[in-house]
Amino acid sequence: MADTMHGGEEHTRRDFLYLAAAATGGVGAAVALWPFVSSMNPAADTLALASVEVDLAPIQPGQAIKVMWRGKPVFIRNRTEDEVKQAQAVGLAELIDPQTDADRVKAGKENWLVLVGVCTHLGCIPLGTNSGEAKGDFGGWFCPCHGSHYDGSGRIRKGPAPKNLQVPEYAFLTDTRVKIG
């Protein structure tokens, strides 16, 4: 009987040693991996720009500006009535990435278009925001890197880009102030 009890104690000690070694190894692995996991979080300067407020008052109809948000350019265009009507008149069958103009703007503020200014093909910055820049075949934006053409609603119409320009999360704080992010 003493042998059985002695064998049972050994088995218990061995199990304890295995568990203690595994726990120590697990904690050690977590401590070693933490810097790598932590490095994947956004940088402090990016988090500081989590949202940006923009005064829209100086932007005249037909004009556009470029602001930076989270390290990316954002295009804000005050579209004319004709530009809004043209964008609304486009049939979904004509679009590579079908999306209505109404899905890309805020109701009641259809003249204001807010887009992330990064081409969805390979990440270049399209032209068409500044005065005198090429706006492409559809009056919106033109990506000079590979020839993508976007319309006045930021929808891809021609070229290698697979998707429309992204619409960021934004909200109007007042009639002349918008918060992006």
Protein backbone atom coordinates (compact mmCIF):
# COMPACT_ATOMS: atom_id res chain seq x y z
CA MET A 1 0.00 0.00 0.00
CA ALA A 2 2.91 2.29 0.71
CA ASP A 3 4.17 1.75 -2.87
CA THR A 4 0.84 2.80 -4.34
CA MET A 5 0.73 5.90 -2.21
CA HIS A 6 4.35 6.75 -3.07
CA GLY A 7 3.61 6.28 -6.78
CA GLY A 8 0.55 8.51 -6.49
CA GLU A 9 2.61 11.27 -4.88
CA GLU A 10 5.21 11.10 -7.68
CA HIS A 11 2.50 11.33 -10.26
CA THR A 12 1.06 14.38 -8.50
CA ARG A 13 4.46 16.07 -8.25
CA ARG A 14 5.19 15.36 -11.93
CA ASP A 15 1.84 16.84 -12.97
CA PHE A 16 2.56 19.90 -10.87
CA LEU A 17 5.98 20.36 -12.47
CA TYR A 18 4.50 20.03 -15.98
CA LEU A 19 1.80 22.57 -15.21
CA ALA A 20 4.26 24.99 -13.59
CA ALA A 21 6.65 24.73 -16.56
CA ALA A 22 3.83 25.24 -19.06
CA ALA A 23 2.49 28.26 -17.16
CA THR A 24 5.97 29.80 -16.95
CA GLY A 25 6.50 29.20 -20.67
CA GLY A 26 3.12 30.72 -21.51
CA VAL A 27 3.79 33.84 -19.47
CA GLY A 28 7.26 34.12 -21.01
CA ALA A 29 5.85 33.83 -24.54
CA ALA A 30 3.22 36.49 -23.81
CA VAL A 31 5.86 38.85 -22.43
CA ALA A 32 8.06 38.26 -25.49
CA LEU A 33 5.19 38.78 -27.98
CA TRP A 34 3.69 41.88 -26.32
CA PRO A 35 6.05 44.40 -28.02
CA PHE A 36 5.16 42.95 -31.44
CA VAL A 37 1.42 43.09 -30.80
CA SER A 38 1.71 46.57 -29.32
CA SER A 39 3.62 47.81 -32.39
CA MET A 40 0.56 47.04 -34.56
CA ASN A 41 -1.53 49.68 -32.76
CA PRO A 42 -1.86 53.06 -34.48
CA ALA A 43 0.86 55.57 -33.71
CA ALA A 44 0.13 58.36 -31.24
CA ASP A 45 0.23 61.02 -33.98
CA THR A 46 -2.37 59.07 -35.97
CA LEU A 47 -4.66 58.69 -32.95
CA ALA A 48 -4.35 62.42 -32.31
CA LEU A 49 -5.90 62.95 -35.75
CA ALA A 50 -8.76 60.52 -35.12
CA SER A 51 -11.14 63.29 -36.12
CA VAL A 52 -10.75 66.65 -37.76
CA GLU A 53 -13.18 69.56 -38.03
CA VAL A 54 -13.28 71.62 -41.22
CA ASP A 55 -14.80 75.05 -41.81
CA LEU A 56 -16.74 74.88 -45.07
CA ALA A 57 -17.65 78.59 -45.26
CA PRO A 58 -14.76 79.62 -47.55
CA ILE A 59 -15.43 76.87 -50.13
CA GLN A 60 -17.46 78.31 -53.00
CA PRO A 61 -19.71 76.18 -55.25
CA GLY A 62 -17.53 74.34 -57.75
CA GLN A 63 -14.47 74.52 -55.49
CA ALA A 64 -12.74 71.73 -53.56
CA ILE A 65 -10.14 71.52 -50.82
CA LYS A 66 -7.83 68.84 -49.54
CA VAL A 67 -7.36 68.26 -45.80
CA MET A 68 -5.35 65.60 -43.99
CA TRP A 69 -7.07 63.05 -41.75
CA ARG A 70 -5.31 60.04 -40.24
CA GLY A 71 -2.37 60.63 -42.57
CA LYS A 72 -4.55 60.50 -45.69
CA PRO A 73 -5.82 63.29 -47.93
CA VAL A 74 -9.56 63.95 -47.80
CA PHE A 75 -11.24 65.78 -50.67
CA ILE A 76 -14.15 68.07 -49.81
CA ARG A 77 -16.01 69.47 -52.80
CA ASN A 78 -18.86 71.97 -52.81
CA ARG A 79 -20.63 70.77 -55.93
CA THR A 80 -22.70 73.06 -58.11
CA GLU A 81 -26.35 72.27 -58.81
CA ASP A 82 -25.37 71.02 -62.28
CA GLU A 83 -22.68 68.73 -60.82
CA VAL A 84 -25.21 67.28 -58.36
CA LYS A 85 -27.77 66.69 -61.13
CA GLN A 86 -25.14 65.02 -63.35
CA ALA A 87 -24.04 62.72 -60.51
CA GLN A 88 -27.65 61.80 -59.69
CA ALA A 89 -28.50 61.11 -63.35
CA VAL A 90 -25.89 58.36 -63.80
CA GLY A 91 -27.47 54.91 -64.14
CA LEU A 92 -26.11 52.10 -61.95
CA ALA A 93 -25.57 49.94 -65.05
CA GLU A 94 -22.90 52.43 -66.21
CA LEU A 95 -20.84 52.02 -63.04
CA ILE A 96 -17.99 49.61 -62.33
CA ASP A 97 -18.77 49.73 -58.58
CA PRO A 98 -22.52 50.54 -58.56
CA GLN A 99 -23.48 53.08 -55.91
CA THR A 100 -25.99 55.91 -56.12
CA ASP A 101 -24.97 59.48 -55.48
CA ALA A 102 -27.45 59.57 -52.58
CA ASP A 103 -25.48 56.77 -50.88
CA ARG A 104 -22.32 58.90 -50.99
CA VAL A 105 -23.63 62.19 -49.55
CA LYS A 106 -25.73 63.32 -46.58
CA ALA A 107 -29.42 63.97 -47.22
CA GLY A 108 -30.12 67.69 -47.43
CA LYS A 109 -26.42 68.41 -48.05
CA GLU A 110 -26.11 66.83 -51.50
CA ASN A 111 -23.79 69.60 -52.68
CA TRP A 112 -21.10 68.56 -50.18
CA LEU A 113 -19.00 65.57 -51.21
CA VAL A 114 -16.43 64.21 -48.73
CA LEU A 115 -14.02 61.50 -49.97
CA VAL A 116 -10.77 59.85 -48.92
CA GLY A 117 -8.40 61.00 -51.68
CA VAL A 118 -6.62 57.71 -52.26
CA CYS A 119 -7.04 55.79 -55.53
CA THR A 120 -8.45 52.34 -54.90
CA HIS A 121 -6.10 50.79 -57.47
CA LEU A 122 -2.65 51.22 -55.94
CA GLY A 123 -3.02 54.11 -53.49
CA CYS A 124 -1.97 57.14 -55.55
CA ILE A 125 -3.55 60.54 -54.94
CA PRO A 126 -5.90 61.51 -57.78
CA LEU A 127 -5.85 64.97 -59.36
CA GLY A 128 -8.90 67.20 -59.63
CA THR A 129 -9.13 68.96 -56.31
CA ASN A 130 -6.97 71.98 -57.07
CA SER A 131 -7.85 74.56 -59.70
CA GLY A 132 -6.38 73.70 -63.10
CA GLU A 133 -5.80 70.01 -62.37
CA ALA A 134 -7.09 67.35 -64.73
CA LYS A 135 -10.51 66.09 -63.57
CA GLY A 136 -10.68 63.11 -65.91
CA ASP A 137 -13.25 62.23 -68.53
CA PHE A 138 -16.17 62.44 -66.07
CA GLY A 139 -15.49 65.76 -64.30
CA GLY A 140 -14.39 64.30 -60.98
CA TRP A 141 -10.86 63.10 -60.37
CA PHE A 142 -8.11 61.57 -62.48
CA CYS A 143 -5.40 59.28 -61.11
CA PRO A 144 -2.21 59.96 -63.08
CA CYS A 145 -0.48 56.78 -61.92
CA HIS A 146 -2.52 54.30 -63.99
CA GLY A 147 -5.31 56.32 -65.57
CA SER A 148 -8.36 55.76 -63.38
CA HIS A 149 -11.19 58.25 -63.95
CA TYR A 150 -13.70 59.08 -61.20
CA ASP A 151 -16.92 61.03 -61.69
CA GLY A 152 -18.27 64.00 -59.70
CA SER A 153 -19.46 61.62 -57.00
CA GLY A 154 -16.08 59.86 -56.64
CA ARG A 155 -17.29 56.72 -58.41
CA ILE A 156 -14.88 54.81 -60.64
CA ARG A 157 -15.92 55.10 -64.27
CA LYS A 158 -12.85 54.11 -66.29
CA GLY A 159 -9.46 52.54 -65.61
CA PRO A 160 -8.00 49.82 -63.41
CA ALA A 161 -9.37 50.97 -60.03
CA PRO A 162 -11.82 48.34 -58.73
CA LYS A 163 -13.77 50.49 -56.25
CA ASN A 164 -15.15 53.99 -55.79
CA LEU A 165 -13.23 56.51 -53.71
CA GLN A 166 -14.03 55.78 -50.08
CA VAL A 167 -16.47 57.99 -48.18
CA PRO A 168 -15.17 58.47 -44.62
CA GLU A 169 -17.40 58.70 -41.59
CA TYR A 170 -18.40 62.34 -41.25
CA ALA A 171 -21.13 64.53 -39.75
CA PHE A 172 -22.20 68.11 -40.15
CA LEU A 173 -21.86 70.01 -36.87
CA THR A 174 -23.40 73.14 -38.39
CA ASP A 175 -24.27 74.26 -41.92
CA THR A 176 -20.67 75.40 -42.39
CA ARG A 177 -18.72 72.95 -40.22
CA VAL A 178 -18.07 69.24 -40.76
CA LYS A 179 -16.37 66.69 -38.49
CA ILE A 180 -14.53 63.87 -40.24
CA GLY A 181 -13.88 60.74 -38.21
